[in-house]
Amino acid sequence: MRILLVQPPIPPEVELYSTAEMVAPSMGLAYLAAVLEQHGYKVEILDAPAFQLTYEKIPAEVERRKPDIVGVTATTAVAPSALKTAQMVKEAAPEALVIMGGPHITFLPEETMKAEPSIQIGVIGEGEYTLLDLVKTWEENGNLREVKGVIYRENGSLKYSEPRPLIENLDELPFPARHLLPMERYKVFGKHETLGLVFTSRGCPFNCTFCSSSLIFGKRFRARSPKNVVDEVEEFIEQYKSNHVEFVDDLFIFDKKRVKEICRELKERGLDVLWVCSARVDTVDGEIFKEIRDAGCVMVYLGVESGVQRVLNLMRKGIKVEQSVRAVKLAKEAGLQVVASFVLGIPGETWEEAMETIRFAKKLDPDFVQFSLATPFPGTELYRVAKEEGLLLTEDWTKYTVLKPVMRTEELSEERLRKLIKKAYFDFYLQPHVIWRYIRRGYAKELLVNVMGKYFWQYFKSKLGFQ
């Protein structure tokens, strides 16, 4: 059987792709493809953003490949595009089975299936072995009820199969099928980069109200072995002649013993690799920062989220403000660049508390900050609260980009939230010493033009009287 996996076009409303000119490989599709290839199936990946494919060009691409099965992936912000893509796929290949997977259908399965009749089956949760079983069952004209982890149509109604257990041994998964991706076409801030994105673990035991990751991959931390991780890093370096790797786990620094073994393995193999990772501020210390720095880590992403303890408690973040101060300080002392993330506009947070967080960000003085508006993604506790309390402003999923207000709060109106996110970025990035830092490091264009450009343009339009 011929299988086509599709990354749909990215709507221009998604700022990460339009303003920041970022196009990254879909490692989720690459993992799905790798498992299918491992079992003898012919697979292709059609990455519409990488090839800048419009909807009008998709039918010809589908017809040329003549697939028996087409899988379309969808995050929430891309969901409307994915629905339209599924419709066009079905029109171009009416005999093909059309499947949708990804976070959006995982959390809103019935709504998504009802929104687009061309989607015949939805994959819920971790998809590698669900898709494999689904392909085998379809090929053999079997019963879809026996495929764990799907929602499907039967006699005009929607049916669920039994949930699929999480993958216990992540080492059994083959490395993602990067050879099926146009690796030379990905870019960051408009510059083409061969991006080495590597997942080393899945699952998160924490309870942040705004995060859906643990709902997809479970509350239990599951990790690949250090050897397996470094084998993939080494393969990537050899195949693509790039030494830039990003460990994209939610909790790379969680099991410190495992992290130290990964570092030891990297050094023993003499791999010349520059890498970045992320961590919670309550799971790090000076020793682990020095360990990762010595093994090639150049940057760490820290989830600070707020400078006000009461707001952190509202988020159920489970950290202390002092831990953020300590983590940023220790990371800098170890010679690491620091990206600090902040979430503004959580229900219950006042304007003054948000201002305190912006002042806190400036005081911490990380190398980079990422401010996001609290966004109630489907499946999260925040989404449940927003629905129950009538706080949602829209369910136009293209606006769920974390830079647009899609939820008001009792304390902050939509207009106040718009002002808040602009003020946060202006106040931090327009500090003279920050501007000089980026000029000195050669980052000025990327940050002040690509990222800040959107806000500058909006600012000047408002001053000139244009809305």
Protein backbone atom coordinates (compact mmCIF):
# COMPACT_ATOMS: atom_id res chain seq x y z
CA MET A 1 0.00 0.00 0.00
CA ARG A 2 1.13 3.53 -0.74
CA ILE A 3 0.86 5.90 2.22
CA LEU A 4 1.14 9.68 2.11
CA LEU A 5 1.59 11.75 5.28
CA VAL A 6 0.78 15.44 4.97
CA GLN A 7 1.82 18.52 6.90
CA PRO A 8 -0.84 21.05 5.82
CA PRO A 9 -0.13 24.65 4.81
CA ILE A 10 0.46 26.99 7.75
CA PRO A 11 -2.01 29.89 7.92
CA PRO A 12 -0.36 33.33 7.74
CA GLU A 13 -2.03 34.16 11.08
CA VAL A 14 0.47 31.88 12.84
CA GLU A 15 3.19 34.41 13.67
CA LEU A 16 5.94 31.89 14.32
CA TYR A 17 5.86 30.96 10.66
CA SER A 18 4.95 34.27 9.03
CA THR A 19 6.67 36.97 11.10
CA ALA A 20 9.60 34.92 12.38
CA GLU A 21 9.97 33.06 9.06
CA MET A 22 10.33 29.72 10.80
CA VAL A 23 9.61 26.39 9.12
CA ALA A 24 10.58 23.30 11.09
CA PRO A 25 10.42 19.62 10.17
CA SER A 26 7.45 17.60 11.43
CA MET A 27 9.18 14.99 13.55
CA GLY A 28 5.82 13.48 14.40
CA LEU A 29 5.25 12.56 10.76
CA ALA A 30 8.86 11.36 10.50
CA TYR A 31 8.31 8.96 13.41
CA LEU A 32 5.09 7.64 11.88
CA ALA A 33 6.84 7.12 8.55
CA ALA A 34 9.79 5.35 10.18
CA VAL A 35 7.55 2.78 11.89
CA LEU A 36 5.63 2.14 8.66
CA GLU A 37 8.84 1.76 6.66
CA GLN A 38 10.20 -0.61 9.28
CA HIS A 39 7.24 -2.87 8.51
CA GLY A 40 7.69 -2.75 4.75
CA TYR A 41 5.27 -0.02 3.68
CA LYS A 42 6.02 2.59 1.04
CA VAL A 43 5.66 6.04 2.61
CA GLU A 44 6.05 9.61 1.43
CA ILE A 45 5.81 12.87 3.39
CA LEU A 46 4.34 15.96 1.76
CA ASP A 47 5.49 18.97 3.78
CA ALA A 48 3.41 21.85 2.40
CA PRO A 49 5.06 24.65 4.45
CA ALA A 50 8.56 23.58 3.45
CA PHE A 51 7.64 23.65 -0.26
CA GLN A 52 5.39 26.71 0.19
CA LEU A 53 2.50 24.77 -1.29
CA THR A 54 -0.87 26.50 -1.45
CA TYR A 55 -4.16 24.62 -1.17
CA GLU A 56 -4.57 24.83 -4.93
CA LYS A 57 -1.36 22.85 -5.48
CA ILE A 58 -2.15 20.04 -3.08
CA PRO A 59 -4.52 18.06 -5.36
CA ALA A 60 -1.89 17.72 -8.08
CA GLU A 61 0.69 16.53 -5.52
CA VAL A 62 -1.76 13.94 -4.21
CA GLU A 63 -2.81 12.74 -7.66
CA ARG A 64 0.83 12.34 -8.68
CA ARG A 65 1.54 10.04 -5.72
CA LYS A 66 -1.63 7.93 -6.05
CA PRO A 67 -1.85 7.06 -2.33
CA ASP A 68 -4.04 4.34 -0.85
CA ILE A 69 -3.99 6.01 2.56
CA VAL A 70 -3.43 9.68 3.44
CA GLY A 71 -2.70 10.90 6.97
CA VAL A 72 -3.01 14.60 7.79
CA THR A 73 -1.61 16.03 11.03
CA ALA A 74 -3.02 19.00 12.93
CA THR A 75 -2.04 21.14 15.88
CA THR A 76 -4.76 23.50 17.09
CA ALA A 77 -3.60 26.64 15.25
CA VAL A 78 -3.30 24.65 12.02
CA ALA A 79 -6.58 22.72 12.45
CA PRO A 80 -8.67 24.76 9.95
CA SER A 81 -5.93 24.33 7.36
CA ALA A 82 -5.77 20.61 8.09
CA LEU A 83 -9.53 20.26 7.61
CA LYS A 84 -9.36 22.02 4.27
CA THR A 85 -6.37 19.89 3.27
CA ALA A 86 -8.26 16.70 4.15
CA GLN A 87 -11.17 17.83 1.97
CA MET A 88 -8.89 18.54 -0.99
CA VAL A 89 -7.09 15.22 -0.52
CA LYS A 90 -10.38 13.32 -0.66
CA GLU A 91 -11.44 15.17 -3.80
CA ALA A 92 -8.09 14.40 -5.46
CA ALA A 93 -8.02 10.75 -4.34
CA PRO A 94 -11.63 9.69 -3.65
CA GLU A 95 -10.68 6.02 -3.18
CA ALA A 96 -8.01 6.79 -0.59
CA LEU A 97 -8.58 6.40 3.15
CA VAL A 98 -8.22 9.81 4.84
CA ILE A 99 -6.95 9.83 8.42
CA MET A 100 -6.25 12.72 10.77
CA GLY A 101 -3.94 12.68 13.78
CA GLY A 102 -2.21 15.12 16.09
CA PRO A 103 -3.07 17.12 19.21
CA HIS A 104 -6.21 18.81 17.92
CA ILE A 105 -8.20 15.72 17.03
CA THR A 106 -6.84 14.00 20.14
CA PHE A 107 -8.58 16.58 22.33
CA LEU A 108 -11.61 17.35 20.15
CA PRO A 109 -12.21 14.08 18.28
CA GLU A 110 -15.95 14.30 17.68
CA GLU A 111 -15.95 18.03 16.90
CA THR A 112 -13.14 17.55 14.40
CA MET A 113 -14.75 14.57 12.67
CA LYS A 114 -18.07 16.40 12.43
CA ALA A 115 -16.37 19.50 11.03
CA GLU A 116 -14.98 17.64 8.01
CA PRO A 117 -16.80 14.57 6.60
CA SER A 118 -13.83 13.61 4.42
CA ILE A 119 -11.94 12.49 7.55
CA GLN A 120 -12.81 8.82 7.89
CA ILE A 121 -10.70 7.91 10.91
CA GLY A 122 -9.06 9.94 13.68
CA VAL A 123 -5.98 8.80 15.59
CA ILE A 124 -6.12 9.72 19.27
CA GLY A 125 -2.92 10.17 21.27
CA GLU A 126 0.45 8.58 20.52
CA GLY A 127 0.16 7.57 16.90
CA GLU A 128 3.04 5.35 15.79
CA TYR A 129 1.59 1.92 16.50
CA THR A 130 -2.00 3.03 16.12
CA LEU A 131 -1.31 4.05 12.52
CA LEU A 132 0.62 0.85 11.87
CA ASP A 133 -2.27 -1.29 13.16
CA LEU A 134 -4.72 0.85 11.22
CA VAL A 135 -2.86 0.38 7.94
CA LYS A 136 -2.61 -3.38 8.47
CA THR A 137 -6.29 -3.64 9.36
CA TRP A 138 -7.40 -1.56 6.36
CA GLU A 139 -5.17 -3.58 4.05
CA GLU A 140 -6.69 -6.84 5.31
CA ASN A 141 -10.30 -5.52 5.38
CA GLY A 142 -10.35 -6.06 9.12
CA ASN A 143 -12.55 -4.60 11.85
CA LEU A 144 -11.64 -1.04 12.88
CA ARG A 145 -13.02 -1.74 16.35
CA GLU A 146 -9.94 -3.90 16.93
CA VAL A 147 -7.54 -0.99 16.30
CA LYS A 148 -6.86 0.65 19.65
CA GLY A 149 -6.77 4.44 19.84
CA VAL A 150 -9.07 5.57 17.02
CA ILE A 151 -12.40 7.26 16.36
CA TYR A 152 -14.14 6.17 13.16
CA ARG A 153 -17.38 6.39 11.21
CA GLU A 154 -19.80 3.48 11.19
CA ASN A 155 -23.34 3.54 9.79
CA GLY A 156 -23.59 7.29 10.02
CA SER A 157 -22.35 7.61 13.61
CA LEU A 158 -19.00 8.04 15.33
CA LYS A 159 -17.48 5.14 17.24
CA TYR A 160 -14.50 4.90 19.56
CA SER A 161 -12.20 1.91 19.84
CA GLU A 162 -10.45 0.93 23.06
CA PRO A 163 -7.74 3.46 24.12
CA ARG A 164 -4.19 2.54 23.21
CA PRO A 165 -1.64 2.13 26.02
CA LEU A 166 1.42 4.37 25.89
CA ILE A 167 4.63 2.99 24.38
CA GLU A 168 6.63 1.60 27.28
CA ASN A 169 10.03 1.21 25.63
CA LEU A 170 10.83 4.26 23.49
CA ASP A 171 14.10 2.64 22.37
CA GLU A 172 12.06 0.23 20.25
CA LEU A 173 10.99 3.08 17.98
CA PRO A 174 13.14 3.52 14.88
CA PHE A 175 14.85 6.87 14.40
CA PRO A 176 12.58 9.35 12.61
CA ALA A 177 12.62 9.08 8.81
CA ARG A 178 14.44 12.33 8.09
CA HIS A 179 15.30 11.03 4.62
CA LEU A 180 11.64 11.55 3.69
CA LEU A 181 11.75 15.22 4.74
CA PRO A 182 13.16 18.10 2.63
CA MET A 183 15.81 18.79 5.28
CA GLU A 184 17.50 21.45 3.16
CA ARG A 185 14.34 23.58 3.04
CA TYR A 186 13.79 24.30 6.73
CA LYS A 187 14.61 27.71 8.10
CA VAL A 188 14.81 29.88 11.21
CA PHE A 189 14.40 33.66 10.92
CA GLY A 190 14.48 33.25 7.16
CA LYS A 191 17.86 31.48 7.16
CA HIS A 192 17.99 27.92 5.91
CA GLU A 193 19.09 25.59 8.70
CA THR A 194 19.44 21.83 8.79
CA LEU A 195 17.56 21.38 12.03
CA GLY A 196 18.45 18.40 14.18
CA LEU A 197 15.34 18.09 16.34
CA VAL A 198 15.61 15.13 18.72
CA PHE A 199 13.01 13.83 21.17
CA THR A 200 14.63 11.89 24.02
CA SER A 201 11.61 11.45 26.31
CA ARG A 202 7.84 11.69 26.54
CA GLY A 203 5.40 12.38 29.35
CA CYS A 204 5.22 14.97 32.13
CA PRO A 205 4.13 14.37 35.75
CA PHE A 206 3.38 18.04 36.46
CA ASN A 207 0.04 19.85 36.43
CA CYS A 208 0.39 23.25 34.69
CA THR A 209 -3.13 24.41 33.80
CA PHE A 210 -2.11 25.74 30.35
CA CYS A 211 -0.15 22.71 29.10
CA SER A 212 -1.55 19.81 27.08
CA SER A 213 1.64 17.80 26.68
CA SER A 214 0.99 15.39 29.52
CA LEU A 215 -2.48 14.76 28.14
CA ILE A 216 -1.00 13.46 24.87
CA PHE A 217 2.03 11.61 26.21
CA GLY A 218 0.87 10.77 29.72
CA LYS A 219 1.69 11.86 33.24
CA ARG A 220 4.52 9.37 33.56
CA PHE A 221 8.00 10.34 32.37
CA ARG A 222 9.30 7.84 29.79
CA ALA A 223 12.81 8.18 28.44
CA ARG A 224 15.08 6.73 25.78
CA SER A 225 18.39 5.28 26.89
CA PRO A 226 21.49 7.52 26.64
CA LYS A 227 23.07 5.25 24.01
CA ASN A 228 19.96 5.29 21.86
CA VAL A 229 19.78 9.09 22.05
CA VAL A 230 23.42 9.63 21.13
CA ASP A 231 23.20 7.05 18.34
CA GLU A 232 20.55 9.26 16.72
CA VAL A 233 22.61 12.42 17.27
CA GLU A 234 25.64 10.76 15.67
CA GLU A 235 23.58 9.53 12.72
CA PHE A 236 22.16 13.02 12.17
CA ILE A 237 25.63 14.63 12.21
CA GLU A 238 27.04 12.08 9.78
CA GLN A 239 24.12 12.19 7.33
CA TYR A 240 23.46 15.93 7.27
CA LYS A 241 26.88 17.41 8.07
CA SER A 242 25.32 19.65 10.69
CA ASN A 243 26.36 19.89 14.32
CA HIS A 244 23.34 21.84 15.56
CA VAL A 245 20.91 19.75 17.62
CA GLU A 246 17.90 20.69 19.70
CA PHE A 247 16.61 18.29 22.31
CA VAL A 248 12.94 19.24 22.14
CA ASP A 249 11.64 17.35 25.17
CA ASP A 250 9.44 19.14 27.66
CA LEU A 251 11.64 17.75 30.43
CA PHE A 252 15.10 17.00 29.09
CA ILE A 253 16.66 17.75 32.48
CA PHE A 254 14.47 15.61 34.71
CA ASP A 255 16.42 12.43 35.34
CA LYS A 256 19.84 13.97 36.07
CA LYS A 257 21.61 10.61 36.01
CA ARG A 258 20.35 9.99 32.47
CA VAL A 259 21.37 13.50 31.36
CA LYS A 260 24.87 12.98 32.74
CA GLU A 261 25.13 9.66 30.87
CA ILE A 262 24.05 11.36 27.64
CA CYS A 263 26.73 14.00 28.20
CA ARG A 264 29.35 11.34 28.92
CA GLU A 265 28.37 9.43 25.78
CA LEU A 266 28.62 12.59 23.63
CA LYS A 267 32.09 13.36 24.96
CA GLU A 268 33.40 9.79 24.75
CA ARG A 269 32.42 9.60 21.08
CA GLY A 270 34.10 12.95 20.45
CA LEU A 271 31.02 14.39 18.78
CA ASP A 272 31.45 18.04 17.84
CA VAL A 273 27.87 19.07 18.51
CA LEU A 274 26.28 22.30 19.73
CA TRP A 275 22.92 21.70 21.36
CA VAL A 276 20.07 23.28 23.27
CA CYS A 277 17.55 21.84 25.70
CA SER A 278 14.80 22.83 28.13
CA ALA A 279 14.22 22.36 31.84
CA ARG A 280 12.02 23.24 34.77
CA VAL A 281 13.70 25.65 37.16
CA ASP A 282 13.22 23.26 40.10
CA THR A 283 15.06 20.36 38.46
CA VAL A 284 18.42 22.04 37.80
CA ASP A 285 21.56 22.94 39.72
CA GLY A 286 25.04 24.28 39.04
CA GLU A 287 26.53 20.81 38.61
CA ILE A 288 24.11 19.71 35.89
CA PHE A 289 24.50 23.03 34.07
CA LYS A 290 28.29 22.62 34.06
CA GLU A 291 27.90 19.01 32.91
CA ILE A 292 25.76 19.89 29.89
CA ARG A 293 27.91 22.90 29.01
CA ASP A 294 31.03 20.72 28.92
CA ALA A 295 29.21 18.32 26.58
CA GLY A 296 28.34 21.01 24.02
CA CYS A 297 25.11 22.58 25.30
CA VAL A 298 25.04 26.28 24.47
CA MET A 299 21.53 27.31 25.47
CA VAL A 300 18.85 26.25 27.95
CA TYR A 301 15.13 27.09 27.83
CA LEU A 302 13.66 27.66 31.30
CA GLY A 303 9.96 27.79 32.11
CA VAL A 304 9.87 30.76 34.49
CA GLU A 305 6.26 31.75 33.60
CA SER A 306 5.73 34.46 36.25
CA GLY A 307 7.55 36.65 38.74
CA VAL A 308 4.63 36.57 41.18
CA GLN A 309 4.22 33.56 43.46
CA ARG A 310 0.44 33.91 43.66
CA VAL A 311 0.22 33.72 39.86
CA LEU A 312 2.52 30.69 39.73
CA ASN A 313 0.16 29.03 42.19
CA LEU A 314 -2.82 29.88 39.96
CA MET A 315 -1.01 28.16 37.09
CA ARG A 316 -0.28 25.13 39.31
CA LYS A 317 3.28 25.44 38.11
CA GLY A 318 4.69 23.95 41.30
CA ILE A 319 7.77 26.20 41.47
CA LYS A 320 8.97 29.14 43.57
CA VAL A 321 10.03 32.53 42.24
CA GLU A 322 13.37 32.13 44.02
CA GLN A 323 14.02 28.91 42.07
CA SER A 324 13.76 30.85 38.81
CA VAL A 325 16.22 33.46 40.06
CA ARG A 326 18.63 30.74 41.11
CA ALA A 327 18.27 28.71 37.89
CA VAL A 328 18.95 31.68 35.59
CA LYS A 329 21.94 32.73 37.71
CA LEU A 330 23.47 29.25 37.74
CA ALA A 331 22.94 28.77 34.01
CA LYS A 332 24.71 32.05 33.25
CA GLU A 333 27.57 31.16 35.58
CA ALA A 334 27.98 27.88 33.67
CA GLY A 335 28.36 29.83 30.42
CA LEU A 336 24.95 28.94 28.98
CA GLN A 337 22.67 31.31 27.12
CA VAL A 338 19.24 31.43 28.71
CA VAL A 339 15.78 31.63 27.15
CA ALA A 340 13.14 32.39 29.79
CA SER A 341 9.47 31.81 29.00
CA PHE A 342 6.62 33.74 30.61
CA VAL A 343 2.84 33.32 30.45
CA LEU A 344 0.68 36.43 30.87
CA GLY A 345 -3.07 36.74 31.36
CA ILE A 346 -3.89 33.63 33.36
CA PRO A 347 -7.35 33.96 34.97
CA GLY A 348 -6.91 35.69 38.31
CA GLU A 349 -3.77 37.64 37.36
CA THR A 350 -4.14 41.42 37.69
CA TRP A 351 -2.60 44.09 35.47
CA GLU A 352 -0.18 45.05 38.21
CA GLU A 353 0.91 41.43 38.69
CA ALA A 354 1.55 41.17 34.95
CA MET A 355 3.63 44.36 35.17
CA GLU A 356 5.55 42.80 38.04
CA THR A 357 6.34 39.79 35.85
CA ILE A 358 7.64 42.07 33.07
CA ARG A 359 9.84 43.89 35.61
CA PHE A 360 10.98 40.50 36.91
CA ALA A 361 11.96 39.41 33.39
CA LYS A 362 14.06 42.55 32.99
CA LYS A 363 15.70 41.97 36.37
CA LEU A 364 16.52 38.34 35.53
CA ASP A 365 18.06 39.58 32.26
CA PRO A 366 18.09 36.29 30.33
CA ASP A 367 19.56 36.31 26.85
CA PHE A 368 16.12 35.90 25.32
CA VAL A 369 12.55 36.00 26.61
CA GLN A 370 9.40 34.46 25.21
CA PHE A 371 6.19 36.10 26.38
CA SER A 372 2.95 34.24 25.65
CA LEU A 373 -0.65 35.03 26.38
CA ALA A 374 -2.38 32.31 28.38
CA THR A 375 -4.08 30.29 25.65
CA PRO A 376 -6.75 27.70 26.51
CA PHE A 377 -5.78 24.91 24.15
CA PRO A 378 -8.38 22.14 23.93
CA GLY A 379 -7.75 19.41 26.46
CA THR A 380 -6.15 21.65 29.07
CA GLU A 381 -7.51 22.59 32.47
CA LEU A 382 -7.41 26.20 31.27
CA TYR A 383 -9.74 25.32 28.37
CA ARG A 384 -12.21 23.67 30.73
CA VAL A 385 -12.24 26.72 33.01
CA ALA A 386 -12.55 29.15 30.09
CA LYS A 387 -15.51 27.21 28.66
CA GLU A 388 -17.29 26.85 31.99
CA GLU A 389 -16.84 30.50 32.96
CA GLY A 390 -17.62 31.96 29.53
CA LEU A 391 -14.15 33.46 29.07
CA LEU A 392 -13.47 32.30 25.50
CA LEU A 393 -13.42 35.12 22.96
CA THR A 394 -13.26 32.83 19.94
CA GLU A 395 -12.82 29.27 18.77
CA ASP A 396 -11.24 30.37 15.53
CA TRP A 397 -8.29 28.05 15.99
CA THR A 398 -6.00 30.06 13.69
CA LYS A 399 -5.88 32.67 16.45
CA TYR A 400 -4.56 30.18 19.02
CA THR A 401 -0.95 31.23 18.48
CA VAL A 402 -0.18 32.40 22.07
CA LEU A 403 0.35 35.95 20.77
CA LYS A 404 -3.33 36.79 20.26
CA PRO A 405 -5.92 37.09 23.04
CA VAL A 406 -8.47 34.30 22.60
CA MET A 407 -9.63 34.35 26.21
CA ARG A 408 -10.50 37.32 28.38
CA THR A 409 -10.38 37.16 32.17
CA GLU A 410 -12.35 38.86 34.91
CA GLU A 411 -9.29 41.06 35.48
CA LEU A 412 -8.11 41.71 31.91
CA SER A 413 -10.18 42.54 28.83
CA GLU A 414 -9.24 41.60 25.27
CA GLU A 415 -7.89 45.10 24.64
CA ARG A 416 -5.83 45.06 27.84
CA LEU A 417 -4.35 41.70 26.86
CA ARG A 418 -3.37 43.07 23.44
CA LYS A 419 -1.61 45.97 25.12
CA LEU A 420 0.00 43.64 27.64
CA ILE A 421 1.75 41.35 25.15
CA LYS A 422 3.07 44.32 23.16
CA LYS A 423 4.29 46.07 26.28
CA ALA A 424 6.06 42.94 27.49
CA TYR A 425 8.09 42.59 24.28
CA PHE A 426 8.78 46.33 23.97
CA ASP A 427 9.86 46.73 27.60
CA PHE A 428 12.32 43.86 27.45
CA TYR A 429 13.76 43.99 23.95
CA LEU A 430 14.05 47.77 23.66
CA GLN A 431 16.34 48.07 26.64
CA PRO A 432 19.57 49.70 25.37
CA HIS A 433 21.82 47.00 26.82
CA VAL A 434 19.67 44.26 25.26
CA ILE A 435 19.77 45.93 21.83
CA TRP A 436 23.54 46.28 22.13
CA ARG A 437 23.82 42.63 23.19
CA TYR A 438 22.09 41.50 20.00
CA ILE A 439 24.07 43.86 17.80
CA ARG A 440 27.28 42.53 19.35
CA ARG A 441 26.24 38.91 18.81
CA GLY A 442 24.87 39.51 15.32
CA TYR A 443 21.25 38.84 16.31
CA ALA A 444 19.86 42.34 15.72
CA LYS A 445 18.11 41.62 12.41
CA GLU A 446 16.56 38.37 13.56
CA LEU A 447 15.11 39.73 16.78
CA LEU A 448 14.39 43.36 16.11
CA VAL A 449 13.16 42.97 12.54
CA ASN A 450 11.70 39.49 12.22
CA VAL A 451 10.23 39.05 15.71
CA MET A 452 9.61 42.62 16.82
CA GLY A 453 8.68 43.85 13.35
CA LYS A 454 5.08 42.78 13.75
CA TYR A 455 4.70 44.82 16.91
CA PHE A 456 6.55 47.86 15.55
CA TRP A 457 4.25 47.94 12.52
CA GLN A 458 1.13 47.68 14.66
CA TYR A 459 2.47 50.42 16.92
CA PHE A 460 3.16 52.89 14.14
CA LYS A 461 -0.16 52.14 12.42
CA SER A 462 -1.98 52.99 15.65
CA LYS A 463 0.02 56.24 16.02
CA LEU A 464 -0.85 57.24 12.47
CA GLY A 465 -4.51 56.54 13.04
CA PHE A 466 -4.78 53.35 10.98
CA GLN A 467 -6.36 50.28 12.60
